[in-house]
């Protein structure tokens, strides 16, 4: 199974969320049955637009047979997921060795 690693940077706000959704949507439309991993390590902040976009991306990926994982989430952003209950809705990748074994294609967003 193939894997694509997305690495958004900065604040996951309206503008960046829209960019991320467009990029992920295009790739998911062309490819099916793969791992979609979003590395949140370079995301400083996330707002309601970012959270909504991630939920939309999760739903789109599930419909197309792709497995979506969030990875490398900073503590303050993890707290946002916990407070909103979204930590129960997403898969979080904890094992870096699993990630590297997939040999993902990297896309900076």
PDB file of N, CA and C in Angstrom:
ATOM      1  N   UNK A   1       0.847  -1.180   0.000  1.00  0.00           N
ATOM      2  CA  UNK A   1       0.000   0.000   0.000  1.00  0.00           C
ATOM      3  C   UNK A   1       0.893   1.245   0.000  1.00  0.00           C
ATOM      4  N   UNK A   2       0.598   2.194  -0.850  1.00  0.00           N
ATOM      5  CA  UNK A   2       1.393   3.408  -0.956  1.00  0.00           C
ATOM      6  C   UNK A   2       1.025   4.399   0.137  1.00  0.00           C
ATOM      7  N   UNK A   3       1.910   5.345   0.355  1.00  0.00           N
ATOM      8  CA  UNK A   3       1.667   6.364   1.384  1.00  0.00           C
ATOM      9  C   UNK A   3       2.114   7.731   0.879  1.00  0.00           C
ATOM     10  N   UNK A   4       1.328   8.737   1.248  1.00  0.00           N
ATOM     11  CA  UNK A   4       1.692  10.115   0.966  1.00  0.00           C
ATOM     12  C   UNK A   4       1.707  10.862   2.288  1.00  0.00           C
ATOM     13  N   UNK A   5       2.797  11.560   2.526  1.00  0.00           N
ATOM     14  CA  UNK A   5       2.977  12.336   3.749  1.00  0.00           C
ATOM     15  C   UNK A   5       2.817  13.816   3.423  1.00  0.00           C
ATOM     16  N   UNK A   6       1.832  14.441   4.029  1.00  0.00           N
ATOM     17  CA  UNK A   6       1.606  15.871   3.870  1.00  0.00           C
ATOM     18  C   UNK A   6       2.190  16.575   5.083  1.00  0.00           C
ATOM     19  N   UNK A   7       2.852  17.698   4.856  1.00  0.00           N
ATOM     20  CA  UNK A   7       3.479  18.417   5.957  1.00  0.00           C
ATOM     21  C   UNK A   7       3.085  19.896   5.883  1.00  0.00           C
ATOM     22  N   UNK A   8       1.878  20.225   6.388  1.00  0.00           N
ATOM     23  CA  UNK A   8       1.492  21.642   6.405  1.00  0.00           C
ATOM     24  C   UNK A   8       2.373  22.413   7.376  1.00  0.00           C
ATOM     25  N   UNK A   9       2.529  23.715   7.095  1.00  0.00           N
ATOM     26  CA  UNK A   9       3.409  24.550   7.914  1.00  0.00           C
ATOM     27  C   UNK A   9       2.683  25.810   8.358  1.00  0.00           C
ATOM     28  N   UNK A  10       3.035  26.303   9.527  1.00  0.00           N
ATOM     29  CA  UNK A  10       2.459  27.551  10.033  1.00  0.00           C
ATOM     30  C   UNK A  10       1.135  27.311  10.729  1.00  0.00           C
ATOM     31  N   UNK A  11       0.227  28.249  10.573  1.00  0.00           N
ATOM     32  CA  UNK A  11      -1.085  28.153  11.200  1.00  0.00           C
ATOM     33  C   UNK A  11      -2.055  27.463  10.251  1.00  0.00           C
ATOM     34  N   UNK A  12      -2.762  26.489  10.762  1.00  0.00           N
ATOM     35  CA  UNK A  12      -3.773  25.808   9.949  1.00  0.00           C
ATOM     36  C   UNK A  12      -5.063  26.611  10.094  1.00  0.00           C
ATOM     37  N   UNK A  13      -5.089  27.718   9.348  1.00  0.00           N
ATOM     38  CA  UNK A  13      -6.218  28.649   9.379  1.00  0.00           C
ATOM     39  C   UNK A  13      -6.982  28.529   8.060  1.00  0.00           C
ATOM     40  N   UNK A  14      -7.805  29.521   7.756  1.00  0.00           N
ATOM     41  CA  UNK A  14      -8.640  29.461   6.553  1.00  0.00           C
ATOM     42  C   UNK A  14      -7.811  29.236   5.288  1.00  0.00           C
ATOM     43  N   UNK A  15      -6.795  30.051   5.089  1.00  0.00           N
ATOM     44  CA  UNK A  15      -5.989  29.975   3.864  1.00  0.00           C
ATOM     45  C   UNK A  15      -5.246  28.652   3.744  1.00  0.00           C
ATOM     46  N   UNK A  16      -4.509  28.304   4.768  1.00  0.00           N
ATOM     47  CA  UNK A  16      -3.710  27.060   4.717  1.00  0.00           C
ATOM     48  C   UNK A  16      -4.602  25.820   4.692  1.00  0.00           C
ATOM     49  N   UNK A  17      -5.723  25.869   5.382  1.00  0.00           N
ATOM     50  CA  UNK A  17      -6.648  24.735   5.374  1.00  0.00           C
ATOM     51  C   UNK A  17      -7.197  24.500   3.982  1.00  0.00           C
ATOM     52  N   UNK A  18      -7.539  25.594   3.312  1.00  0.00           N
ATOM     53  CA  UNK A  18      -8.068  25.493   1.957  1.00  0.00           C
ATOM     54  C   UNK A  18      -7.016  24.892   1.016  1.00  0.00           C
ATOM     55  N   UNK A  19      -5.772  25.342   1.147  1.00  0.00           N
ATOM     56  CA  UNK A  19      -4.683  24.811   0.326  1.00  0.00           C
ATOM     57  C   UNK A  19      -4.483  23.320   0.579  1.00  0.00           C
ATOM     58  N   UNK A  20      -4.471  22.938   1.843  1.00  0.00           N
ATOM     59  CA  UNK A  20      -4.284  21.534   2.206  1.00  0.00           C
ATOM     60  C   UNK A  20      -5.404  20.675   1.631  1.00  0.00           C
ATOM     61  N   UNK A  21      -6.630  21.126   1.774  1.00  0.00           N
ATOM     62  CA  UNK A  21      -7.772  20.359   1.260  1.00  0.00           C
ATOM     63  C   UNK A  21      -7.677  20.184  -0.245  1.00  0.00           C
ATOM     64  N   UNK A  22      -7.318  21.235  -0.958  1.00  0.00           N
ATOM     65  CA  UNK A  22      -7.204  21.137  -2.416  1.00  0.00           C
ATOM     66  C   UNK A  22      -6.148  20.112  -2.824  1.00  0.00           C
ATOM     67  N   UNK A  23      -4.999  20.167  -2.176  1.00  0.00           N
ATOM     68  CA  UNK A  23      -3.908  19.249  -2.516  1.00  0.00           C
ATOM     69  C   UNK A  23      -4.290  17.810  -2.199  1.00  0.00           C
ATOM     70  N   UNK A  24      -4.820  17.584  -1.004  1.00  0.00           N
ATOM     71  CA  UNK A  24      -5.197  16.228  -0.601  1.00  0.00           C
ATOM     72  C   UNK A  24      -6.320  15.710  -1.491  1.00  0.00           C
ATOM     73  N   UNK A  25      -7.307  16.543  -1.758  1.00  0.00           N
ATOM     74  CA  UNK A  25      -8.449  16.135  -2.576  1.00  0.00           C
ATOM     75  C   UNK A  25      -8.015  15.707  -3.973  1.00  0.00           C
ATOM     76  N   UNK A  26      -7.089  16.444  -4.579  1.00  0.00           N
ATOM     77  CA  UNK A  26      -6.590  16.092  -5.913  1.00  0.00           C
ATOM     78  C   UNK A  26      -5.905  14.727  -5.892  1.00  0.00           C
ATOM     79  N   UNK A  27      -5.066  14.515  -4.914  1.00  0.00           N
ATOM     80  CA  UNK A  27      -4.319  13.260  -4.857  1.00  0.00           C
ATOM     81  C   UNK A  27      -5.206  12.073  -4.511  1.00  0.00           C
ATOM     82  N   UNK A  28      -6.141  12.278  -3.618  1.00  0.00           N
ATOM     83  CA  UNK A  28      -7.039  11.185  -3.254  1.00  0.00           C
ATOM     84  C   UNK A  28      -7.943  10.839  -4.433  1.00  0.00           C
ATOM     85  N   UNK A  29      -8.286  11.839  -5.235  1.00  0.00           N
ATOM     86  CA  UNK A  29      -9.132  11.605  -6.400  1.00  0.00           C
ATOM     87  C   UNK A  29      -8.431  10.713  -7.417  1.00  0.00           C
ATOM     88  N   UNK A  30      -7.116  10.843  -7.526  1.00  0.00           N
ATOM     89  CA  UNK A  30      -6.355  10.081  -8.515  1.00  0.00           C
ATOM     90  C   UNK A  30      -5.887   8.727  -7.993  1.00  0.00           C
ATOM     91  N   UNK A  31      -5.750   8.610  -6.705  1.00  0.00           N
ATOM     92  CA  UNK A  31      -5.188   7.403  -6.117  1.00  0.00           C
ATOM     93  C   UNK A  31      -6.160   6.838  -5.084  1.00  0.00           C
ATOM     94  N   UNK A  32      -6.260   5.554  -5.049  1.00  0.00           N
ATOM     95  CA  UNK A  32      -7.143   4.917  -4.067  1.00  0.00           C
ATOM     96  C   UNK A  32      -6.333   3.899  -3.271  1.00  0.00           C
ATOM     97  N   UNK A  33      -6.873   3.571  -2.112  1.00  0.00           N
ATOM     98  CA  UNK A  33      -6.272   2.551  -1.257  1.00  0.00           C
ATOM     99  C   UNK A  33      -4.815   2.850  -0.907  1.00  0.00           C
ATOM    100  N   UNK A  34      -4.616   3.945  -0.205  1.00  0.00           N
ATOM    101  CA  UNK A  34      -3.276   4.284   0.254  1.00  0.00           C
ATOM    102  C   UNK A  34      -3.363   4.947   1.620  1.00  0.00           C
ATOM    103  N   UNK A  35      -2.213   5.092   2.243  1.00  0.00           N
ATOM    104  CA  UNK A  35      -2.130   5.796   3.526  1.00  0.00           C
ATOM    105  C   UNK A  35      -1.951   7.284   3.247  1.00  0.00           C
ATOM    106  N   UNK A  36      -2.742   8.072   3.903  1.00  0.00           N
ATOM    107  CA  UNK A  36      -2.639   9.532   3.836  1.00  0.00           C
ATOM    108  C   UNK A  36      -2.236   9.978   5.236  1.00  0.00           C
ATOM    109  N   UNK A  37      -1.023  10.502   5.362  1.00  0.00           N
ATOM    110  CA  UNK A  37      -0.493  10.872   6.672  1.00  0.00           C
ATOM    111  C   UNK A  37      -0.242  12.375   6.688  1.00  0.00           C
ATOM    112  N   UNK A  38      -0.796  13.043   7.674  1.00  0.00           N
ATOM    113  CA  UNK A  38      -0.594  14.478   7.805  1.00  0.00           C
ATOM    114  C   UNK A  38       0.309  14.709   9.011  1.00  0.00           C
ATOM    115  N   UNK A  39       1.529  15.168   8.731  1.00  0.00           N
ATOM    116  CA  UNK A  39       2.511  15.464   9.772  1.00  0.00           C
ATOM    117  C   UNK A  39       2.232  16.877  10.289  1.00  0.00           C
ATOM    118  N   UNK A  40       1.786  16.972  11.524  1.00  0.00           N
ATOM    119  CA  UNK A  40       1.389  18.249  12.116  1.00  0.00           C
ATOM    120  C   UNK A  40       2.532  18.914  12.884  1.00  0.00           C
ATOM    121  N   UNK A  41       3.736  18.402  12.751  1.00  0.00           N
ATOM    122  CA  UNK A  41       4.870  18.904  13.524  1.00  0.00           C
ATOM    123  C   UNK A  41       5.232  20.357  13.259  1.00  0.00           C
ATOM    124  N   UNK A  42       4.938  20.862  12.074  1.00  0.00           N
ATOM    125  CA  UNK A  42       5.268  22.246  11.736  1.00  0.00           C
ATOM    126  C   UNK A  42       4.056  23.171  11.817  1.00  0.00           C
ATOM    127  N   UNK A  43       2.947  22.657  12.322  1.00  0.00           N
ATOM    128  CA  UNK A  43       1.738  23.469  12.493  1.00  0.00           C
ATOM    129  C   UNK A  43       1.816  24.153  13.853  1.00  0.00           C
ATOM    130  N   UNK A  44       1.771  25.480  13.848  1.00  0.00           N
ATOM    131  CA  UNK A  44       1.870  26.256  15.088  1.00  0.00           C
ATOM    132  C   UNK A  44       0.545  26.344  15.822  1.00  0.00           C
ATOM    133  N   UNK A  45      -0.517  26.620  15.068  1.00  0.00           N
ATOM    134  CA  UNK A  45      -1.851  26.774  15.644  1.00  0.00           C
ATOM    135  C   UNK A  45      -2.870  26.192  14.690  1.00  0.00           C
ATOM    136  N   UNK A  46      -4.026  25.851  15.252  1.00  0.00           N
ATOM    137  CA  UNK A  46      -5.125  25.358  14.437  1.00  0.00           C
ATOM    138  C   UNK A  46      -6.402  26.036  14.929  1.00  0.00           C
ATOM    139  N   UNK A  47      -7.255  26.445  13.987  1.00  0.00           N
ATOM    140  CA  UNK A  47      -8.518  27.052  14.387  1.00  0.00           C
ATOM    141  C   UNK A  47      -9.669  26.217  13.832  1.00  0.00           C
ATOM    142  N   UNK A  48     -10.886  26.759  13.915  1.00  0.00           N
ATOM    143  CA  UNK A  48     -12.052  25.993  13.482  1.00  0.00           C
ATOM    144  C   UNK A  48     -11.987  25.634  11.998  1.00  0.00           C
ATOM    145  N   UNK A  49     -11.386  26.480  11.175  1.00  0.00           N
ATOM    146  CA  UNK A  49     -11.245  26.162   9.756  1.00  0.00           C
ATOM    147  C   UNK A  49     -10.333  24.952   9.570  1.00  0.00           C
ATOM    148  N   UNK A  50      -9.245  24.912  10.319  1.00  0.00           N
ATOM    149  CA  UNK A  50      -8.326  23.788  10.239  1.00  0.00           C
ATOM    150  C   UNK A  50      -8.961  22.498  10.709  1.00  0.00           C
ATOM    151  N   UNK A  51      -9.672  22.550  11.821  1.00  0.00           N
ATOM    152  CA  UNK A  51     -10.345  21.357  12.338  1.00  0.00           C
ATOM    153  C   UNK A  51     -11.399  20.859  11.359  1.00  0.00           C
ATOM    154  N   UNK A  52     -12.188  21.783  10.825  1.00  0.00           N
ATOM    155  CA  UNK A  52     -13.231  21.406   9.866  1.00  0.00           C
ATOM    156  C   UNK A  52     -12.620  20.772   8.627  1.00  0.00           C
ATOM    157  N   UNK A  53     -11.531  21.343   8.143  1.00  0.00           N
ATOM    158  CA  UNK A  53     -10.853  20.799   6.963  1.00  0.00           C
ATOM    159  C   UNK A  53     -10.357  19.389   7.225  1.00  0.00           C
ATOM    160  N   UNK A  54      -9.785  19.152   8.395  1.00  0.00           N
ATOM    161  CA  UNK A  54      -9.301  17.806   8.710  1.00  0.00           C
ATOM    162  C   UNK A  54     -10.450  16.800   8.764  1.00  0.00           C
ATOM    163  N   UNK A  55     -11.588  17.210   9.291  1.00  0.00           N
ATOM    164  CA  UNK A  55     -12.764  16.327   9.328  1.00  0.00           C
ATOM    165  C   UNK A  55     -13.221  16.018   7.901  1.00  0.00           C
ATOM    166  N   UNK A  56     -13.259  17.027   7.049  1.00  0.00           N
ATOM    167  CA  UNK A  56     -13.659  16.827   5.650  1.00  0.00           C
ATOM    168  C   UNK A  56     -12.685  15.894   4.942  1.00  0.00           C
ATOM    169  N   UNK A  57     -11.389  16.109   5.150  1.00  0.00           N
ATOM    170  CA  UNK A  57     -10.375  15.256   4.530  1.00  0.00           C
ATOM    171  C   UNK A  57     -10.531  13.818   5.020  1.00  0.00           C
ATOM    172  N   UNK A  58     -10.817  13.643   6.303  1.00  0.00           N
ATOM    173  CA  UNK A  58     -11.016  12.291   6.846  1.00  0.00           C
ATOM    174  C   UNK A  58     -12.194  11.605   6.169  1.00  0.00           C
ATOM    175  N   UNK A  59     -13.295  12.315   6.010  1.00  0.00           N
ATOM    176  CA  UNK A  59     -14.485  11.736   5.382  1.00  0.00           C
ATOM    177  C   UNK A  59     -14.243  11.399   3.917  1.00  0.00           C
ATOM    178  N   UNK A  60     -13.591  12.296   3.207  1.00  0.00           N
ATOM    179  CA  UNK A  60     -13.281  12.044   1.789  1.00  0.00           C
ATOM    180  C   UNK A  60     -12.362  10.831   1.662  1.00  0.00           C
ATOM    181  N   UNK A  61     -11.340  10.765   2.494  1.00  0.00           N
ATOM    182  CA  UNK A  61     -10.386   9.656   2.398  1.00  0.00           C
ATOM    183  C   UNK A  61     -11.059   8.323   2.714  1.00  0.00           C
ATOM    184  N   UNK A  62     -11.943   8.297   3.690  1.00  0.00           N
ATOM    185  CA  UNK A  62     -12.649   7.053   4.018  1.00  0.00           C
ATOM    186  C   UNK A  62     -13.518   6.580   2.854  1.00  0.00           C
ATOM    187  N   UNK A  63     -14.196   7.510   2.193  1.00  0.00           N
ATOM    188  CA  UNK A  63     -15.042   7.149   1.058  1.00  0.00           C
ATOM    189  C   UNK A  63     -14.238   6.551  -0.084  1.00  0.00           C
ATOM    190  N   UNK A  64     -12.992   6.952  -0.200  1.00  0.00           N
ATOM    191  CA  UNK A  64     -12.161   6.490  -1.302  1.00  0.00           C
ATOM    192  C   UNK A  64     -11.207   5.373  -0.903  1.00  0.00           C
ATOM    193  N   UNK A  65     -11.419   4.812   0.264  1.00  0.00           N
ATOM    194  CA  UNK A  65     -10.624   3.665   0.682  1.00  0.00           C
ATOM    195  C   UNK A  65      -9.230   3.995   1.170  1.00  0.00           C
ATOM    196  N   UNK A  66      -9.003   5.230   1.565  1.00  0.00           N
ATOM    197  CA  UNK A  66      -7.688   5.640   2.058  1.00  0.00           C
ATOM    198  C   UNK A  66      -7.710   5.711   3.586  1.00  0.00           C
ATOM    199  N   UNK A  67      -6.593   5.398   4.190  1.00  0.00           N
ATOM    200  CA  UNK A  67      -6.468   5.475   5.641  1.00  0.00           C
ATOM    201  C   UNK A  67      -5.763   6.773   6.006  1.00  0.00           C
ATOM    202  N   UNK A  68      -6.424   7.624   6.773  1.00  0.00           N
ATOM    203  CA  UNK A  68      -5.867   8.911   7.178  1.00  0.00           C
ATOM    204  C   UNK A  68      -5.321   8.815   8.597  1.00  0.00           C
ATOM    205  N   UNK A  69      -4.089   9.270   8.753  1.00  0.00           N
ATOM    206  CA  UNK A  69      -3.449   9.328  10.060  1.00  0.00           C
ATOM    207  C   UNK A  69      -2.905  10.731  10.291  1.00  0.00           C
ATOM    208  N   UNK A  70      -2.994  11.182  11.522  1.00  0.00           N
ATOM    209  CA  UNK A  70      -2.331  12.417  11.939  1.00  0.00           C
ATOM    210  C   UNK A  70      -1.092  12.009  12.712  1.00  0.00           C
ATOM    211  N   UNK A  71      -0.032  12.777  12.552  1.00  0.00           N
ATOM    212  CA  UNK A  71       1.264  12.397  13.100  1.00  0.00           C
ATOM    213  C   UNK A  71       1.963  13.617  13.653  1.00  0.00           C
ATOM    214  N   UNK A  72       2.725  13.427  14.716  1.00  0.00           N
ATOM    215  CA  UNK A  72       3.637  14.453  15.215  1.00  0.00           C
ATOM    216  C   UNK A  72       2.893  15.710  15.698  1.00  0.00           C
ATOM    217  N   UNK A  73       1.872  15.515  16.479  1.00  0.00           N
ATOM    218  CA  UNK A  73       1.036  16.637  16.923  1.00  0.00           C
ATOM    219  C   UNK A  73       1.613  17.245  18.198  1.00  0.00           C
ATOM    220  N   UNK A  74       1.753  18.565  18.182  1.00  0.00           N
ATOM    221  CA  UNK A  74       2.253  19.278  19.354  1.00  0.00           C
ATOM    222  C   UNK A  74       1.205  19.243  20.466  1.00  0.00           C
ATOM    223  N   UNK A  75       1.674  19.381  21.697  1.00  0.00           N
ATOM    224  CA  UNK A  75       0.799  19.237  22.862  1.00  0.00           C
ATOM    225  C   UNK A  75      -0.382  20.193  22.871  1.00  0.00           C
ATOM    226  N   UNK A  76      -0.164  21.462  22.521  1.00  0.00           N
ATOM    227  CA  UNK A  76      -1.272  22.424  22.553  1.00  0.00           C
ATOM    228  C   UNK A  76      -2.317  22.120  21.483  1.00  0.00           C
ATOM    229  N   UNK A  77      -1.886  21.591  20.360  1.00  0.00           N
ATOM    230  CA  UNK A  77      -2.836  21.206  19.315  1.00  0.00           C
ATOM    231  C   UNK A  77      -3.541  19.906  19.706  1.00  0.00           C
ATOM    232  N   UNK A  78      -2.831  19.000  20.340  1.00  0.00           N
ATOM    233  CA  UNK A  78      -3.448  17.771  20.839  1.00  0.00           C
ATOM    234  C   UNK A  78      -4.538  18.115  21.849  1.00  0.00           C
ATOM    235  N   UNK A  79      -4.309  19.125  22.656  1.00  0.00           N
ATOM    236  CA  UNK A  79      -5.307  19.568  23.628  1.00  0.00           C
ATOM    237  C   UNK A  79      -6.580  20.055  22.926  1.00  0.00           C
ATOM    238  N   UNK A  80      -6.427  20.764  21.819  1.00  0.00           N
ATOM    239  CA  UNK A  80      -7.591  21.211  21.036  1.00  0.00           C
ATOM    240  C   UNK A  80      -8.391  20.003  20.560  1.00  0.00           C
ATOM    241  N   UNK A  81      -7.705  18.976  20.086  1.00  0.00           N
ATOM    242  CA  UNK A  81      -8.391  17.756  19.650  1.00  0.00           C
ATOM    243  C   UNK A  81      -9.135  17.109  20.820  1.00  0.00           C
ATOM    244  N   UNK A  82      -8.514  17.083  21.981  1.00  0.00           N
ATOM    245  CA  UNK A  82      -9.158  16.483  23.151  1.00  0.00           C
ATOM    246  C   UNK A  82     -10.365  17.286  23.609  1.00  0.00           C
ATOM    247  N   UNK A  83     -10.237  18.604  23.633  1.00  0.00           N
ATOM    248  CA  UNK A  83     -11.342  19.459  24.080  1.00  0.00           C
ATOM    249  C   UNK A  83     -12.543  19.394  23.147  1.00  0.00           C
ATOM    250  N   UNK A  84     -12.294  19.203  21.864  1.00  0.00           N
ATOM    251  CA  UNK A  84     -13.386  19.140  20.890  1.00  0.00           C
ATOM    252  C   UNK A  84     -13.909  17.717  20.688  1.00  0.00           C
ATOM    253  N   UNK A  85     -13.242  16.741  21.276  1.00  0.00           N
ATOM    254  CA  UNK A  85     -13.646  15.347  21.109  1.00  0.00           C
ATOM    255  C   UNK A  85     -13.161  14.734  19.802  1.00  0.00           C
ATOM    256  N   UNK A  86     -12.397  15.493  19.029  1.00  0.00           N
ATOM    257  CA  UNK A  86     -11.915  14.979  17.755  1.00  0.00           C
ATOM    258  C   UNK A  86     -10.791  13.957  17.909  1.00  0.00           C
ATOM    259  N   UNK A  87     -10.234  13.874  19.100  1.00  0.00           N
ATOM    260  CA  UNK A  87      -9.214  12.849  19.329  1.00  0.00           C
ATOM    261  C   UNK A  87      -9.812  11.447  19.211  1.00  0.00           C
ATOM    262  N   UNK A  88     -11.138  11.345  19.329  1.00  0.00           N
ATOM    263  CA  UNK A  88     -11.827  10.062  19.180  1.00  0.00           C
ATOM    264  C   UNK A  88     -12.188   9.775  17.721  1.00  0.00           C
ATOM    265  N   UNK A  89     -12.090  10.771  16.872  1.00  0.00           N
ATOM    266  CA  UNK A  89     -12.505  10.654  15.474  1.00  0.00           C
ATOM    267  C   UNK A  89     -11.351  10.368  14.515  1.00  0.00           C
ATOM    268  N   UNK A  90     -10.126  10.602  14.961  1.00  0.00           N
ATOM    269  CA  UNK A  90      -8.965  10.463  14.089  1.00  0.00           C
ATOM    270  C   UNK A  90      -8.062   9.341  14.569  1.00  0.00           C
ATOM    271  N   UNK A  91      -7.282   8.830  13.619  1.00  0.00           N
ATOM    272  CA  UNK A  91      -6.225   7.875  13.928  1.00  0.00           C
ATOM    273  C   UNK A  91      -4.935   8.668  14.064  1.00  0.00           C
ATOM    274  N   UNK A  92      -4.198   8.401  15.128  1.00  0.00           N
ATOM    275  CA  UNK A  92      -2.931   9.095  15.370  1.00  0.00           C
ATOM    276  C   UNK A  92      -1.801   8.083  15.227  1.00  0.00           C
ATOM    277  N   UNK A  93      -0.821   8.440  14.447  1.00  0.00           N
ATOM    278  CA  UNK A  93       0.314   7.570  14.210  1.00  0.00           C
ATOM    279  C   UNK A  93       1.397   7.901  15.218  1.00  0.00           C
ATOM    280  N   UNK A  94       1.765   6.927  16.007  1.00  0.00           N
ATOM    281  CA  UNK A  94       2.753   7.147  17.056  1.00  0.00           C
ATOM    282  C   UNK A  94       4.113   6.541  16.699  1.00  0.00           C
ATOM    283  N   UNK A  95       4.109   5.532  15.876  1.00  0.00           N
ATOM    284  CA  UNK A  95       5.311   4.753  15.593  1.00  0.00           C
ATOM    285  C   UNK A  95       6.025   5.285  14.344  1.00  0.00           C
ATOM    286  N   UNK A  96       7.130   5.981  14.555  1.00  0.00           N
ATOM    287  CA  UNK A  96       7.887   6.529  13.426  1.00  0.00           C
ATOM    288  C   UNK A  96       8.436   5.429  12.526  1.00  0.00           C
ATOM    289  N   UNK A  97       8.781   4.290  13.100  1.00  0.00           N
ATOM    290  CA  UNK A  97       9.343   3.217  12.282  1.00  0.00           C
ATOM    291  C   UNK A  97       8.303   2.711  11.277  1.00  0.00           C
ATOM    292  N   UNK A  98       7.022   2.676  11.679  1.00  0.00           N
ATOM    293  CA  UNK A  98       5.969   2.282  10.753  1.00  0.00           C
ATOM    294  C   UNK A  98       5.872   3.294   9.613  1.00  0.00           C
ATOM    295  N   UNK A  99       5.937   4.563   9.967  1.00  0.00           N
ATOM    296  CA  UNK A  99       5.867   5.625   8.964  1.00  0.00           C
ATOM    297  C   UNK A  99       7.001   5.474   7.954  1.00  0.00           C
ATOM    298  N   UNK A 100       8.221   5.301   8.431  1.00  0.00           N
ATOM    299  CA  UNK A 100       9.366   5.214   7.533  1.00  0.00           C
ATOM    300  C   UNK A 100       9.379   3.909   6.732  1.00  0.00           C
ATOM    301  N   UNK A 101       8.744   2.875   7.265  1.00  0.00           N
ATOM    302  CA  UNK A 101       8.669   1.622   6.504  1.00  0.00           C
ATOM    303  C   UNK A 101       7.752   1.761   5.291  1.00  0.00           C
ATOM    304  N   UNK A 102       6.850   2.725   5.338  1.00  0.00           N
ATOM    305  CA  UNK A 102       5.948   2.961   4.211  1.00  0.00           C
ATOM    306  C   UNK A 102       6.639   3.687   3.056  1.00  0.00           C
ATOM    307  N   UNK A 103       7.765   4.337   3.358  1.00  0.00           N
ATOM    308  CA  UNK A 103       8.509   5.133   2.375  1.00  0.00           C
ATOM    309  C   UNK A 103       7.564   6.104   1.657  1.00  0.00           C
ATOM    310  N   UNK A 104       6.969   7.016   2.427  1.00  0.00           N
ATOM    311  CA  UNK A 104       5.969   7.903   1.840  1.00  0.00           C
ATOM    312  C   UNK A 104       6.564   8.957   0.917  1.00  0.00           C
ATOM    313  N   UNK A 105       5.738   9.379  -0.008  1.00  0.00           N
ATOM    314  CA  UNK A 105       6.066  10.524  -0.860  1.00  0.00           C
ATOM    315  C   UNK A 105       5.726  11.753  -0.045  1.00  0.00           C
ATOM    316  N   UNK A 106       6.634  12.721   0.047  1.00  0.00           N
ATOM    317  CA  UNK A 106       6.461  13.901   0.890  1.00  0.00           C
ATOM    318  C   UNK A 106       5.988  15.103   0.087  1.00  0.00           C
ATOM    319  N   UNK A 107       4.960  15.761   0.593  1.00  0.00           N
ATOM    320  CA  UNK A 107       4.466  16.997  -0.014  1.00  0.00           C
ATOM    321  C   UNK A 107       4.369  18.057   1.056  1.00  0.00           C
ATOM    322  N   UNK A 108       5.073  19.164   0.862  1.00  0.00           N
ATOM    323  CA  UNK A 108       4.958  20.292   1.781  1.00  0.00           C
ATOM    324  C   UNK A 108       3.765  21.132   1.364  1.00  0.00           C
ATOM    325  N   UNK A 109       3.005  21.580   2.328  1.00  0.00           N
ATOM    326  CA  UNK A 109       1.797  22.368   2.041  1.00  0.00           C
ATOM    327  C   UNK A 109       1.917  23.749   2.655  1.00  0.00           C
TER     328      UNK A 109
END
